[in-house]
Amino acid sequence: MKAKEVRQAWRFVIAENIKRVRAEKGLSQSELAEKCKLHQHLISLVEHGHREIRDVTLDRIAAGLGVTVNELMPVPAAKKS
């Protein structure tokens, strides 16, 4: 897998994790955007994997959800021995 493909795969996993945690917290995209001081449209783009997410934006979304950035990141695959 090439670096670009890995970044894209991670982007979609992060997007799904954001969407899942937001739903678990009972927040709409608009409510999350307000908590993060971001536009709702940006939250939508991120959740659908249509936008690369900058570190500062990921920090703000994680804070708005009340989780750590690590909780939104993909779990690395175990190495085979």
Protein backbone atom coordinates (compact mmCIF):
# COMPACT_ATOMS: atom_id res chain seq x y z
CA MET A 1 0.00 0.00 0.00
CA LYS A 2 1.36 3.43 -0.93
CA ALA A 3 1.57 6.36 1.50
CA LYS A 4 -1.30 8.19 -0.22
CA GLU A 5 -3.55 5.12 0.14
CA VAL A 6 -2.61 4.77 3.82
CA ARG A 7 -3.44 8.44 4.50
CA GLN A 8 -6.76 8.04 2.71
CA ALA A 9 -7.62 4.89 4.68
CA TRP A 10 -6.76 6.64 7.96
CA ARG A 11 -8.87 9.65 6.95
CA PHE A 12 -11.92 7.41 6.50
CA VAL A 13 -11.36 5.58 9.80
CA ILE A 14 -10.99 8.88 11.65
CA ALA A 15 -14.14 10.14 9.91
CA GLU A 16 -16.12 7.08 11.01
CA ASN A 17 -14.81 7.39 14.57
CA ILE A 18 -15.82 11.06 14.76
CA LYS A 19 -19.28 10.23 13.42
CA ARG A 20 -19.66 7.30 15.86
CA VAL A 21 -18.57 9.25 18.94
CA ARG A 22 -20.75 12.23 17.96
CA ALA A 23 -23.78 9.92 17.64
CA GLU A 24 -22.97 8.21 20.96
CA LYS A 25 -22.90 11.65 22.62
CA GLY A 26 -26.23 12.53 21.00
CA LEU A 27 -24.83 15.56 19.20
CA SER A 28 -25.84 16.84 15.79
CA GLN A 29 -23.19 18.09 13.41
CA SER A 30 -24.33 21.64 14.14
CA GLU A 31 -24.04 21.13 17.90
CA LEU A 32 -20.56 19.67 17.54
CA ALA A 33 -19.53 22.50 15.23
CA GLU A 34 -20.72 25.04 17.78
CA LYS A 35 -18.76 23.33 20.58
CA CYS A 36 -15.63 23.27 18.39
CA LYS A 37 -16.13 26.76 16.96
CA LEU A 38 -16.05 25.29 13.45
CA HIS A 39 -18.52 25.41 10.58
CA GLN A 40 -21.06 22.58 10.34
CA HIS A 41 -20.10 22.15 6.68
CA LEU A 42 -16.51 21.34 7.72
CA ILE A 43 -17.76 18.72 10.20
CA SER A 44 -19.81 17.17 7.38
CA LEU A 45 -16.85 17.12 4.99
CA VAL A 46 -14.62 15.53 7.63
CA GLU A 47 -17.23 12.90 8.59
CA HIS A 48 -17.67 11.89 4.96
CA GLY A 49 -13.92 11.66 4.39
CA HIS A 50 -14.00 14.41 1.76
CA ARG A 51 -11.50 16.61 3.56
CA GLU A 52 -8.02 16.11 4.93
CA ILE A 53 -8.18 16.98 8.60
CA ARG A 54 -5.52 19.29 9.98
CA ASP A 55 -4.03 18.61 13.40
CA VAL A 56 -5.57 21.72 14.94
CA THR A 57 -9.00 20.78 13.59
CA LEU A 58 -8.71 17.25 14.93
CA ASP A 59 -7.70 18.68 18.32
CA ARG A 60 -10.78 20.93 18.35
CA ILE A 61 -13.14 18.13 17.30
CA ALA A 62 -11.73 15.77 19.93
CA ALA A 63 -12.12 18.47 22.61
CA GLY A 64 -15.68 19.17 21.45
CA LEU A 65 -16.48 15.47 21.75
CA GLY A 66 -14.77 15.22 25.15
CA VAL A 67 -12.31 12.54 23.98
CA THR A 68 -8.61 12.39 23.21
CA VAL A 69 -7.25 12.49 19.69
CA ASN A 70 -5.97 8.94 20.25
CA GLU A 71 -9.55 7.76 20.72
CA LEU A 72 -10.35 8.97 17.20
CA MET A 73 -7.30 7.43 15.55
CA PRO A 74 -7.22 4.03 13.86
CA VAL A 75 -5.84 1.15 15.88
CA PRO A 76 -2.63 -0.04 14.20
CA ALA A 77 -2.67 -3.59 12.89
CA ALA A 78 -0.71 -6.07 14.97
CA LYS A 79 2.63 -7.09 13.52
CA LYS A 80 2.94 -10.68 12.44
CA SER A 81 5.89 -12.50 13.96
